[in-house]
C-alpha atoms as a PDB file:
ATOM      1  CA  MET A   1      -0.071  -0.023  -0.021  1.00  0.00           C
ATOM      2  CA  GLU A   2       2.802   2.320   0.885  1.00  0.00           C
ATOM      3  CA  SER A   3       4.614   1.806  -2.388  1.00  0.00           C
ATOM      4  CA  TYR A   4       1.231   2.328  -4.263  1.00  0.00           C
ATOM      5  CA  PHE A   5       0.648   5.641  -2.363  1.00  0.00           C
ATOM      6  CA  ASN A   6       4.220   6.841  -3.149  1.00  0.00           C
ATOM      7  CA  GLU A   7       3.603   5.980  -6.808  1.00  0.00           C
ATOM      8  CA  LEU A   8       0.450   7.980  -6.871  1.00  0.00           C
ATOM      9  CA  ILE A   9       2.240  10.974  -5.189  1.00  0.00           C
ATOM     10  CA  MET A  10       5.237  10.930  -7.579  1.00  0.00           C
ATOM     11  CA  LYS A  11       2.786  10.978 -10.559  1.00  0.00           C
ATOM     12  CA  LYS A  12       1.750  14.448  -9.452  1.00  0.00           C
ATOM     13  CA  SER A  13       3.669  17.402 -10.572  1.00  0.00           C
ATOM     14  CA  GLY A  14       6.061  19.300  -8.307  1.00  0.00           C
ATOM     15  CA  GLN A  15       3.534  22.108  -8.097  1.00  0.00           C
ATOM     16  CA  GLU A  16       0.735  19.752  -7.122  1.00  0.00           C
ATOM     17  CA  ARG A  17       2.927  18.044  -4.441  1.00  0.00           C
ATOM     18  CA  LEU A  18       3.859  21.581  -3.094  1.00  0.00           C
ATOM     19  CA  LYS A  19       0.153  22.592  -2.920  1.00  0.00           C
ATOM     20  CA  MET A  20      -0.412  19.366  -0.942  1.00  0.00           C
ATOM     21  CA  GLY A  21       2.341  20.211   1.429  1.00  0.00           C
ATOM     22  CA  PHE A  22       1.070  23.722   2.389  1.00  0.00           C
ATOM     23  CA  PRO A  23      -1.967  22.620   4.263  1.00  0.00           C
ATOM     24  CA  MET A  24       0.018  19.922   5.959  1.00  0.00           C
ATOM     25  CA  PHE A  25       2.554  22.419   7.263  1.00  0.00           C
ATOM     26  CA  ASP A  26      -0.245  24.827   8.367  1.00  0.00           C
ATOM     27  CA  MET A  27      -1.870  22.032  10.350  1.00  0.00           C
ATOM     28  CA  ALA A  28       1.360  21.070  11.990  1.00  0.00           C
ATOM     29  CA  ARG A  29       1.959  24.722  12.835  1.00  0.00           C
ATOM     30  CA  ARG A  30      -1.595  24.956  14.353  1.00  0.00           C
ATOM     31  CA  GLN A  31      -0.877  21.867  16.520  1.00  0.00           C
ATOM     32  CA  VAL A  32       2.500  23.277  17.719  1.00  0.00           C
ATOM     33  CA  LEU A  33       0.913  26.629  18.484  1.00  0.00           C
ATOM     34  CA  ALA A  34      -1.981  24.911  20.425  1.00  0.00           C
ATOM     35  CA  SER A  35       0.591  22.930  22.392  1.00  0.00           C
ATOM     36  CA  ILE A  36       2.676  26.072  23.294  1.00  0.00           C
ATOM     37  CA  LYS A  37      -0.492  27.827  24.377  1.00  0.00           C
ATOM     38  CA  LYS A  38      -1.531  24.861  26.436  1.00  0.00           C
ATOM     39  CA  ASP A  39       1.809  24.674  28.202  1.00  0.00           C
ATOM     40  CA  ASN A  40       2.132  28.407  28.634  1.00  0.00           C
ATOM     41  CA  PRO A  41      -1.224  30.156  28.389  1.00  0.00           C
ATOM     42  CA  ASN A  42       0.304  33.645  29.095  1.00  0.00           C
ATOM     43  CA  ALA A  43       3.114  33.299  26.538  1.00  0.00           C
ATOM     44  CA  ASP A  44       3.726  36.505  24.665  1.00  0.00           C
ATOM     45  CA  PRO A  45       4.066  36.645  20.809  1.00  0.00           C
ATOM     46  CA  GLY A  46       7.898  36.670  21.171  1.00  0.00           C
ATOM     47  CA  GLU A  47       7.916  33.553  23.482  1.00  0.00           C
ATOM     48  CA  ILE A  48       5.585  31.926  20.959  1.00  0.00           C
ATOM     49  CA  ARG A  49       7.825  32.626  17.946  1.00  0.00           C
ATOM     50  CA  ARG A  50      10.839  31.360  19.838  1.00  0.00           C
ATOM     51  CA  GLU A  51       9.091  28.117  20.739  1.00  0.00           C
ATOM     52  CA  ILE A  52       7.822  27.612  17.211  1.00  0.00           C
ATOM     53  CA  PHE A  53      11.415  28.011  15.804  1.00  0.00           C
ATOM     54  CA  LEU A  54      12.846  25.682  18.451  1.00  0.00           C
ATOM     55  CA  ARG A  55      10.167  22.960  17.747  1.00  0.00           C
ATOM     56  CA  PHE A  56      10.385  23.077  13.967  1.00  0.00           C
ATOM     57  CA  TYR A  57      14.023  24.116  13.378  1.00  0.00           C
ATOM     58  CA  GLY A  58      15.908  23.884  16.632  1.00  0.00           C
ATOM     59  CA  GLN A  59      17.598  20.482  15.847  1.00  0.00           C
ATOM     60  CA  ASP A  60      18.809  21.921  12.461  1.00  0.00           C
ATOM     61  CA  PHE A  61      21.260  24.298  14.175  1.00  0.00           C
ATOM     62  CA  PRO A  62      24.327  23.898  16.271  1.00  0.00           C
ATOM     63  CA  PRO A  63      23.877  25.559  19.737  1.00  0.00           C
ATOM     64  CA  ALA A  64      25.758  28.867  18.861  1.00  0.00           C
ATOM     65  CA  GLU A  65      23.787  29.336  15.672  1.00  0.00           C
ATOM     66  CA  GLN A  66      20.534  28.510  17.456  1.00  0.00           C
ATOM     67  CA  GLU A  67      21.307  31.192  20.038  1.00  0.00           C
ATOM     68  CA  ARG A  68      22.132  33.662  17.291  1.00  0.00           C
ATOM     69  CA  VAL A  69      18.700  32.971  15.698  1.00  0.00           C
ATOM     70  CA  LEU A  70      16.917  33.249  18.996  1.00  0.00           C
ATOM     71  CA  ALA A  71      18.550  36.619  19.662  1.00  0.00           C
ATOM     72  CA  GLN A  72      17.293  37.775  16.221  1.00  0.00           C
ATOM     73  CA  ILE A  73      13.771  36.571  17.082  1.00  0.00           C
ATOM     74  CA  ARG A  74      13.925  38.376  20.548  1.00  0.00           C
ATOM     75  CA  SER A  75      14.925  41.671  19.013  1.00  0.00           C
ATOM     76  CA  ALA A  76      12.457  41.387  16.033  1.00  0.00           C
ATOM     77  CA  ARG A  77       9.088  43.256  15.940  1.00  0.00           C
ATOM     78  CA  PRO A  78       6.184  40.930  15.168  1.00  0.00           C
ATOM     79  CA  THR A  79       5.177  41.204  11.649  1.00  0.00           C
ATOM     80  CA  VAL A  80       2.698  38.291  11.533  1.00  0.00           C
ATOM     81  CA  THR A  81      -0.316  37.824  13.820  1.00  0.00           C
ATOM     82  CA  LEU A  82      -0.010  34.482  15.650  1.00  0.00           C
ATOM     83  CA  ARG A  83      -3.427  32.737  15.739  1.00  0.00           C
END
């Protein structure tokens, strides 16, 4: 079944696969956001952005680089409303 599913997916164009991925990423982001708010209901938008970064991308960076990114997030003004 898995190989059949993979075959069906690979028959789609890159654009179609990308369009399928956007809602999946959006759902994952909403789940992470809900988890953050559940764990810390009083989190401010900056804290939420930092947690989102850590949960999605934290393991992709060595500690020093992660701290540099987190410092940028701390100093940045919010540009997107977090739902």
